[in-house]
Each structure stands twice: as C-alpha cells, then as structure tokens.
PDB file of N, CA and C in Angstrom:
ATOM      1  N   ASP A   1      27.161 156.609 -24.198  1.00  0.00           N
ATOM      2  CA  ASP A   1      27.795 155.948 -23.134  1.00  0.00           C
ATOM      3  C   ASP A   1      28.784 156.817 -22.637  1.00  0.00           C
ATOM      4  N   LEU A   2      28.765 157.040 -21.282  1.00  0.00           N
ATOM      5  CA  LEU A   2      29.728 158.411 -20.681  1.00  0.00           C
ATOM      6  C   LEU A   2      30.859 157.641 -20.259  1.00  0.00           C
ATOM      7  N   PRO A   3      32.143 158.015 -19.631  1.00  0.00           N
ATOM      8  CA  PRO A   3      32.950 157.090 -19.384  1.00  0.00           C
ATOM      9  C   PRO A   3      33.287 156.909 -17.906  1.00  0.00           C
ATOM     10  N   GLU A   4      33.374 156.256 -17.317  1.00  0.00           N
ATOM     11  CA  GLU A   4      33.420 155.542 -15.889  1.00  0.00           C
ATOM     12  C   GLU A   4      34.486 156.874 -15.094  1.00  0.00           C
ATOM     13  N   VAL A   5      34.060 157.086 -13.658  1.00  0.00           N
ATOM     14  CA  VAL A   5      34.932 158.004 -13.234  1.00  0.00           C
ATOM     15  C   VAL A   5      34.913 158.134 -12.070  1.00  0.00           C
ATOM     16  N   GLN A   6      35.938 157.994 -11.538  1.00  0.00           N
ATOM     17  CA  GLN A   6      36.614 158.020 -10.248  1.00  0.00           C
ATOM     18  C   GLN A   6      37.045 158.639  -9.102  1.00  0.00           C
ATOM     19  N   LEU A   7      35.903 158.238  -8.244  1.00  0.00           N
ATOM     20  CA  LEU A   7      35.585 158.995  -6.893  1.00  0.00           C
ATOM     21  C   LEU A   7      36.876 159.107  -6.142  1.00  0.00           C
ATOM     22  N   PRO A   8      37.074 160.043  -5.400  1.00  0.00           N
ATOM     23  CA  PRO A   8      37.470 159.718  -4.212  1.00  0.00           C
ATOM     24  C   PRO A   8      37.069 159.695  -3.360  1.00  0.00           C
ATOM     25  N   GLU A   9      37.746 158.000  -2.282  1.00  0.00           N
ATOM     26  CA  GLU A   9      36.912 157.522  -0.623  1.00  0.00           C
ATOM     27  C   GLU A   9      37.147 158.929   0.097  1.00  0.00           C
ATOM     28  N   ALA A  10      35.492 158.868   0.653  1.00  0.00           N
ATOM     29  CA  ALA A  10      35.589 160.239   1.496  1.00  0.00           C
ATOM     30  C   ALA A  10      35.685 159.299   2.993  1.00  0.00           C
ATOM     31  N   GLU A  11      36.596 160.017   3.959  1.00  0.00           N
ATOM     32  CA  GLU A  11      37.142 159.516   4.884  1.00  0.00           C
ATOM     33  C   GLU A  11      35.884 158.747   6.061  1.00  0.00           C
ATOM     34  N   ALA A  12      35.883 157.942   6.674  1.00  0.00           N
ATOM     35  CA  ALA A  12      34.538 157.149   7.598  1.00  0.00           C
ATOM     36  C   ALA A  12      34.879 158.071   8.914  1.00  0.00           C
ATOM     37  N   GLU A  13      36.548 158.289   9.540  1.00  0.00           N
ATOM     38  CA  GLU A  13      36.419 158.753  10.924  1.00  0.00           C
ATOM     39  C   GLU A  13      35.799 160.474  10.333  1.00  0.00           C
ATOM     40  N   ALA A  14      36.015 160.747  11.776  1.00  0.00           N
ATOM     41  CA  ALA A  14      35.524 162.325  11.917  1.00  0.00           C
ATOM     42  C   ALA A  14      37.152 163.244  12.185  1.00  0.00           C
ATOM     43  N   PRO A  15      37.547 164.182  11.227  1.00  0.00           N
ATOM     44  CA  PRO A  15      39.287 164.585  11.162  1.00  0.00           C
ATOM     45  C   PRO A  15      39.615 164.530  12.785  1.00  0.00           C
ATOM     46  N   PRO A  16      40.702 164.357  13.051  1.00  0.00           N
ATOM     47  CA  PRO A  16      40.861 164.676  14.716  1.00  0.00           C
ATOM     48  C   PRO A  16      40.912 165.901  15.181  1.00  0.00           C
ATOM     49  N   ALA A  17      40.632 167.255  14.699  1.00  0.00           N
ATOM     50  CA  ALA A  17      40.268 168.618  15.220  1.00  0.00           C
ATOM     51  C   ALA A  17      38.868 168.478  15.685  1.00  0.00           C
ATOM     52  N   ALA A  18      37.685 167.562  15.319  1.00  0.00           N
ATOM     53  CA  ALA A  18      36.875 167.510  15.409  1.00  0.00           C
ATOM     54  C   ALA A  18      36.632 167.059  16.565  1.00  0.00           C
ATOM     55  N   GLU A  19      37.146 165.490  16.451  1.00  0.00           N
ATOM     56  CA  GLU A  19      37.544 164.513  17.807  1.00  0.00           C
ATOM     57  C   GLU A  19      37.643 165.182  19.056  1.00  0.00           C
ATOM     58  N   ALA A  20      38.699 165.844  19.136  1.00  0.00           N
ATOM     59  CA  ALA A  20      39.278 166.960  19.999  1.00  0.00           C
ATOM     60  C   ALA A  20      38.341 167.840  20.950  1.00  0.00           C
ATOM     61  N   LEU A  21      37.742 168.827  19.710  1.00  0.00           N
ATOM     62  CA  LEU A  21      36.565 169.927  20.213  1.00  0.00           C
ATOM     63  C   LEU A  21      35.231 168.977  21.344  1.00  0.00           C
ATOM     64  N   ALA A  22      35.112 167.580  20.597  1.00  0.00           N
ATOM     65  CA  ALA A  22      33.858 166.867  21.029  1.00  0.00           C
ATOM     66  C   ALA A  22      34.587 166.421  22.538  1.00  0.00           C
ATOM     67  N   SER A  23      36.010 166.212  22.592  1.00  0.00           N
ATOM     68  CA  SER A  23      36.387 165.302  23.883  1.00  0.00           C
ATOM     69  C   SER A  23      36.516 166.404  25.249  1.00  0.00           C
ATOM     70  N   GLU A  24      36.770 167.815  24.477  1.00  0.00           N
ATOM     71  CA  GLU A  24      36.999 168.731  25.702  1.00  0.00           C
ATOM     72  C   GLU A  24      35.826 169.183  25.855  1.00  0.00           C
ATOM     73  N   ALA A  25      34.563 169.195  25.720  1.00  0.00           N
ATOM     74  CA  ALA A  25      33.704 170.059  25.514  1.00  0.00           C
ATOM     75  C   ALA A  25      32.549 169.194  26.351  1.00  0.00           C
ATOM     76  N   PRO A  26      32.090 169.524  27.425  1.00  0.00           N
ATOM     77  CA  PRO A  26      31.381 168.245  28.490  1.00  0.00           C
ATOM     78  C   PRO A  26      30.196 168.183  27.547  1.00  0.00           C
ATOM     79  N   ALA A  27      29.382 167.013  27.909  1.00  0.00           N
ATOM     80  CA  ALA A  27      28.108 166.800  27.549  1.00  0.00           C
ATOM     81  C   ALA A  27      27.250 168.208  28.686  1.00  0.00           C
ATOM     82  N   LEU A  28      25.835 168.406  27.916  1.00  0.00           N
ATOM     83  CA  LEU A  28      25.187 169.776  28.625  1.00  0.00           C
ATOM     84  C   LEU A  28      23.586 168.639  29.172  1.00  0.00           C
ATOM     85  N   SER A  29      23.291 168.780  30.243  1.00  0.00           N
ATOM     86  CA  SER A  29      22.150 168.413  30.880  1.00  0.00           C
ATOM     87  C   SER A  29      20.846 169.219  29.624  1.00  0.00           C
ATOM     88  N   LEU A  30      19.928 168.791  29.548  1.00  0.00           N
ATOM     89  CA  LEU A  30      18.525 169.187  29.500  1.00  0.00           C
ATOM     90  C   LEU A  30      18.549 170.794  29.895  1.00  0.00           C
ATOM     91  N   ALA A  31      18.279 170.587  31.371  1.00  0.00           N
ATOM     92  CA  ALA A  31      18.142 171.948  32.515  1.00  0.00           C
ATOM     93  C   ALA A  31      19.358 172.795  32.134  1.00  0.00           C
ATOM     94  N   GLU A  32      20.479 172.224  31.713  1.00  0.00           N
ATOM     95  CA  GLU A  32      21.314 173.380  31.611  1.00  0.00           C
ATOM     96  C   GLU A  32      21.278 174.203  30.338  1.00  0.00           C
ATOM     97  N   VAL A  33      20.517 172.936  29.191  1.00  0.00           N
ATOM     98  CA  VAL A  33      20.835 174.069  28.054  1.00  0.00           C
ATOM     99  C   VAL A  33      19.492 175.108  28.275  1.00  0.00           C
ATOM    100  N   MET A  34      18.213 174.393  29.072  1.00  0.00           N
ATOM    101  CA  MET A  34      17.263 175.087  28.674  1.00  0.00           C
ATOM    102  C   MET A  34      17.231 176.745  29.586  1.00  0.00           C
ATOM    103  N   ALA A  35      18.634 176.713  30.985  1.00  0.00           N
ATOM    104  CA  ALA A  35      18.402 177.647  31.739  1.00  0.00           C
ATOM    105  C   ALA A  35      19.796 178.824  31.176  1.00  0.00           C
ATOM    106  N   ALA A  36      20.242 178.307  30.000  1.00  0.00           N
ATOM    107  CA  ALA A  36      21.564 179.115  29.738  1.00  0.00           C
ATOM    108  C   ALA A  36      20.771 179.956  28.945  1.00  0.00           C
ATOM    109  N   PRO A  37      20.724 181.558  28.827  1.00  0.00           N
ATOM    110  CA  PRO A  37      20.359 182.385  28.195  1.00  0.00           C
ATOM    111  C   PRO A  37      20.620 182.741  26.506  1.00  0.00           C
ATOM    112  N   VAL A  38      19.297 183.590  26.427  1.00  0.00           N
ATOM    113  CA  VAL A  38      19.506 183.372  24.721  1.00  0.00           C
ATOM    114  C   VAL A  38      19.263 184.741  23.939  1.00  0.00           C
ATOM    115  N   GLN A  39      19.728 184.771  22.956  1.00  0.00           N
ATOM    116  CA  GLN A  39      19.549 185.855  22.210  1.00  0.00           C
ATOM    117  C   GLN A  39      18.020 186.008  21.724  1.00  0.00           C
ATOM    118  N   PRO A  40      17.698 186.882  21.937  1.00  0.00           N
ATOM    119  CA  PRO A  40      16.221 187.186  21.462  1.00  0.00           C
ATOM    120  C   PRO A  40      15.848 186.876  20.124  1.00  0.00           C
ATOM    121  N   ILE A  41      15.336 186.066  19.021  1.00  0.00           N
ATOM    122  CA  ILE A  41      15.539 186.244  17.538  1.00  0.00           C
ATOM    123  C   ILE A  41      15.063 187.425  17.189  1.00  0.00           C
ATOM    124  N   ASN A  42      13.406 188.068  17.352  1.00  0.00           N
ATOM    125  CA  ASN A  42      12.978 189.230  16.884  1.00  0.00           C
ATOM    126  C   ASN A  42      13.000 189.793  18.369  1.00  0.00           C
ATOM    127  N   PRO A  43      13.260 190.672  18.812  1.00  0.00           N
ATOM    128  CA  PRO A  43      13.125 191.436  20.099  1.00  0.00           C
ATOM    129  C   PRO A  43      12.229 192.612  19.724  1.00  0.00           C
ATOM    130  N   PRO A  44      11.676 193.311  20.533  1.00  0.00           N
ATOM    131  CA  PRO A  44      10.490 193.987  20.411  1.00  0.00           C
ATOM    132  C   PRO A  44      11.467 194.946  20.020  1.00  0.00           C
ATOM    133  N   ALA A  45      10.533 195.855  19.291  1.00  0.00           N
ATOM    134  CA  ALA A  45      10.811 197.651  18.963  1.00  0.00           C
ATOM    135  C   ALA A  45      11.109 198.341  19.788  1.00  0.00           C
ATOM    136  N   GLN A  46      12.369 198.888  20.000  1.00  0.00           N
ATOM    137  CA  GLN A  46      12.975 199.905  21.359  1.00  0.00           C
ATOM    138  C   GLN A  46      12.439 201.016  20.895  1.00  0.00           C
ATOM    139  N   ASN A  47      12.561 201.677  19.187  1.00  0.00           N
ATOM    140  CA  ASN A  47      12.112 202.380  19.424  1.00  0.00           C
ATOM    141  C   ASN A  47      11.231 203.343  18.843  1.00  0.00           C
ATOM    142  N   VAL A  48      10.085 203.668  18.969  1.00  0.00           N
ATOM    143  CA  VAL A  48       8.788 203.623  17.908  1.00  0.00           C
ATOM    144  C   VAL A  48       8.930 205.044  16.635  1.00  0.00           C
ATOM    145  N   PRO A  49       8.669 204.466  15.484  1.00  0.00           N
ATOM    146  CA  PRO A  49       8.578 206.242  14.806  1.00  0.00           C
ATOM    147  C   PRO A  49       7.408 206.793  15.283  1.00  0.00           C
ATOM    148  N   VAL A  50       7.948 208.233  14.770  1.00  0.00           N
ATOM    149  CA  VAL A  50       6.561 209.236  15.140  1.00  0.00           C
ATOM    150  C   VAL A  50       5.531 209.051  13.887  1.00  0.00           C
ATOM    151  N   SER A  51       5.324 208.637  13.342  1.00  0.00           N
ATOM    152  CA  SER A  51       4.357 208.263  11.819  1.00  0.00           C
ATOM    153  C   SER A  51       3.319 207.334  13.264  1.00  0.00           C
ATOM    154  N   LEU A  52       3.585 206.722  14.361  1.00  0.00           N
ATOM    155  CA  LEU A  52       2.539 205.574  14.362  1.00  0.00           C
ATOM    156  C   LEU A  52       2.259 206.522  15.508  1.00  0.00           C
ATOM    157  N   LEU A  53       2.485 207.578  16.142  1.00  0.00           N
ATOM    158  CA  LEU A  53       1.892 208.035  17.550  1.00  0.00           C
ATOM    159  C   LEU A  53       0.984 209.206  17.298  1.00  0.00           C
ATOM    160  N   PRO A  54       0.441 209.050  17.634  1.00  0.00           N
ATOM    161  CA  PRO A  54      -1.161 210.110  17.789  1.00  0.00           C
ATOM    162  C   PRO A  54      -0.701 211.412  17.100  1.00  0.00           C
ATOM    163  N   PRO A  55      -1.498 212.212  16.744  1.00  0.00           N
ATOM    164  CA  PRO A  55      -0.482 213.850  17.069  1.00  0.00           C
ATOM    165  C   PRO A  55      -0.405 214.655  18.290  1.00  0.00           C
ATOM    166  N   PRO A  56       0.438 215.153  18.380  1.00  0.00           N
ATOM    167  CA  PRO A  56       0.083 215.858  19.514  1.00  0.00           C
ATOM    168  C   PRO A  56      -1.245 217.157  20.364  1.00  0.00           C
ATOM    169  N   ALA A  57      -1.131 217.384  21.032  1.00  0.00           N
ATOM    170  CA  ALA A  57      -2.959 217.771  21.393  1.00  0.00           C
ATOM    171  C   ALA A  57      -2.622 218.869  20.709  1.00  0.00           C
ATOM    172  N   ASP A  58      -1.866 219.908  20.982  1.00  0.00           N
ATOM    173  CA  ASP A  58      -1.616 221.421  20.359  1.00  0.00           C
ATOM    174  C   ASP A  58      -1.457 221.660  18.675  1.00  0.00           C
ATOM    175  N   GLU A  59      -2.251 220.432  18.050  1.00  0.00           N
ATOM    176  CA  GLU A  59      -1.748 220.095  16.701  1.00  0.00           C
ATOM    177  C   GLU A  59      -2.888 220.728  15.977  1.00  0.00           C
ATOM    178  N   GLU A  60      -2.966 221.918  14.942  1.00  0.00           N
ATOM    179  CA  GLU A  60      -4.375 221.920  14.821  1.00  0.00           C
ATOM    180  C   GLU A  60      -5.065 220.279  13.641  1.00  0.00           C
ATOM    181  N   PRO A  61      -6.417 219.937  13.279  1.00  0.00           N
ATOM    182  CA  PRO A  61      -6.545 218.578  13.481  1.00  0.00           C
ATOM    183  C   PRO A  61      -6.408 218.617  11.353  1.00  0.00           C
ATOM    184  N   VAL A  62      -6.048 217.723  10.974  1.00  0.00           N
ATOM    185  CA  VAL A  62      -6.403 217.852   9.189  1.00  0.00           C
ATOM    186  C   VAL A  62      -7.282 218.335   8.738  1.00  0.00           C
ATOM    187  N   ASP A  63      -7.929 219.317   7.348  1.00  0.00           N
ATOM    188  CA  ASP A  63      -9.115 220.216   7.374  1.00  0.00           C
ATOM    189  C   ASP A  63      -9.635 218.062   6.269  1.00  0.00           C
ATOM    190  N   GLU A  64     -10.862 218.064   6.653  1.00  0.00           N
ATOM    191  CA  GLU A  64     -11.191 217.118   5.750  1.00  0.00           C
ATOM    192  C   GLU A  64     -11.508 217.230   3.885  1.00  0.00           C
ATOM    193  N   GLU A  65     -12.300 218.647   3.732  1.00  0.00           N
ATOM    194  CA  GLU A  65     -11.925 218.544   2.413  1.00  0.00           C
ATOM    195  C   GLU A  65     -10.637 218.941   1.830  1.00  0.00           C
ATOM    196  N   LEU A  66      -9.527 219.028   2.346  1.00  0.00           N
ATOM    197  CA  LEU A  66      -8.312 219.410   2.100  1.00  0.00           C
ATOM    198  C   LEU A  66      -8.041 217.760   1.624  1.00  0.00           C
ATOM    199  N   ARG A  67      -8.161 217.181   2.464  1.00  0.00           N
ATOM    200  CA  ARG A  67      -7.690 215.442   2.504  1.00  0.00           C
ATOM    201  C   ARG A  67      -8.665 214.859   1.746  1.00  0.00           C
ATOM    202  N   GLU A  68      -9.701 214.988   1.439  1.00  0.00           N
ATOM    203  CA  GLU A  68     -10.784 214.468   0.119  1.00  0.00           C
ATOM    204  C   GLU A  68      -9.970 214.648  -1.372  1.00  0.00           C
ATOM    205  N   VAL A  69      -9.367 215.880  -1.231  1.00  0.00           N
ATOM    206  CA  VAL A  69      -8.992 216.439  -2.642  1.00  0.00           C
ATOM    207  C   VAL A  69      -7.548 215.907  -2.628  1.00  0.00           C
ATOM    208  N   PHE A  70      -6.253 215.763  -1.731  1.00  0.00           N
ATOM    209  CA  PHE A  70      -5.140 214.918  -1.482  1.00  0.00           C
ATOM    210  C   PHE A  70      -5.396 213.808  -2.038  1.00  0.00           C
ATOM    211  N   ILE A  71      -6.677 213.077  -1.708  1.00  0.00           N
ATOM    212  CA  ILE A  71      -6.401 211.890  -1.976  1.00  0.00           C
ATOM    213  C   ILE A  71      -7.032 211.424  -3.658  1.00  0.00           C
ATOM    214  N   GLU A  72      -8.269 212.185  -3.902  1.00  0.00           N
ATOM    215  CA  GLU A  72      -8.416 212.403  -5.116  1.00  0.00           C
ATOM    216  C   GLU A  72      -7.215 212.496  -6.235  1.00  0.00           C
ATOM    217  N   GLU A  73      -6.392 213.650  -6.083  1.00  0.00           N
ATOM    218  CA  GLU A  73      -5.014 214.062  -7.047  1.00  0.00           C
ATOM    219  C   GLU A  73      -4.540 213.100  -6.664  1.00  0.00           C
ATOM    220  N   ALA A  74      -3.821 212.386  -5.936  1.00  0.00           N
ATOM    221  CA  ALA A  74      -3.038 211.197  -5.975  1.00  0.00           C
ATOM    222  C   ALA A  74      -3.475 209.933  -6.781  1.00  0.00           C
ATOM    223  N   GLY A  75      -4.956 209.590  -6.730  1.00  0.00           N
ATOM    224  CA  GLY A  75      -5.367 208.370  -7.172  1.00  0.00           C
ATOM    225  C   GLY A  75      -5.231 209.088  -8.369  1.00  0.00           C
ATOM    226  N   GLU A  76      -5.887 210.038  -9.060  1.00  0.00           N
ATOM    227  CA  GLU A  76      -5.300 210.273 -10.694  1.00  0.00           C
ATOM    228  C   GLU A  76      -4.245 210.109 -11.160  1.00  0.00           C
ATOM    229  N   VAL A  77      -2.805 210.638 -10.193  1.00  0.00           N
ATOM    230  CA  VAL A  77      -1.922 210.484 -10.562  1.00  0.00           C
ATOM    231  C   VAL A  77      -0.927 208.904 -10.792  1.00  0.00           C
ATOM    232  N   LEU A  78      -1.690 208.174 -10.001  1.00  0.00           N
ATOM    233  CA  LEU A  78      -1.510 206.776  -9.864  1.00  0.00           C
ATOM    234  C   LEU A  78      -1.723 205.889 -11.161  1.00  0.00           C
ATOM    235  N   GLU A  79      -3.147 206.469 -11.676  1.00  0.00           N
ATOM    236  CA  GLU A  79      -3.087 206.219 -12.772  1.00  0.00           C
ATOM    237  C   GLU A  79      -3.074 206.690 -14.239  1.00  0.00           C
TER     238      GLU A  79
END
C-alpha cells in the first residue's frame, strides 16, 4: 500500500498579470492577423555554394579515365 499524498490546490483563476495583459491587448480581426507581416520560416537561400554552379567556361573538362580510376580507388578505400 502507498501512503496518501496531499497535493496543493491549483488556482482556478488566471494570475493578475495575465489578466492585465489580456485587457490591454485589443482583439485583432482575422483580416488584421492575415495582413500582418510574418518572418519566413524557411527563406530561400541567398548564397549558392560554388559546388552547385557549373564549371567556368575556360576550365578544362575532367579526364574521364582519371575520374573512373578515382572512383575505383575510393570504392576500395571504403571497403
């Protein structure tokens, strides 16, 4: 058997500070809420990393044979 526990009574009324805040703030209409500016949650990127851009026009193309050798060697290292 567990002993009885006495819990404090919770206040049914809101604290006076919350009442003061609620009375000071005027109620907003739906149109006012929708018209208010909002910070974007996930804004589009402003800076694009260089790795996503195509190579410069004057850059030499990657040697395909060298690329294949690199991929094979990297695969062996990962194994």
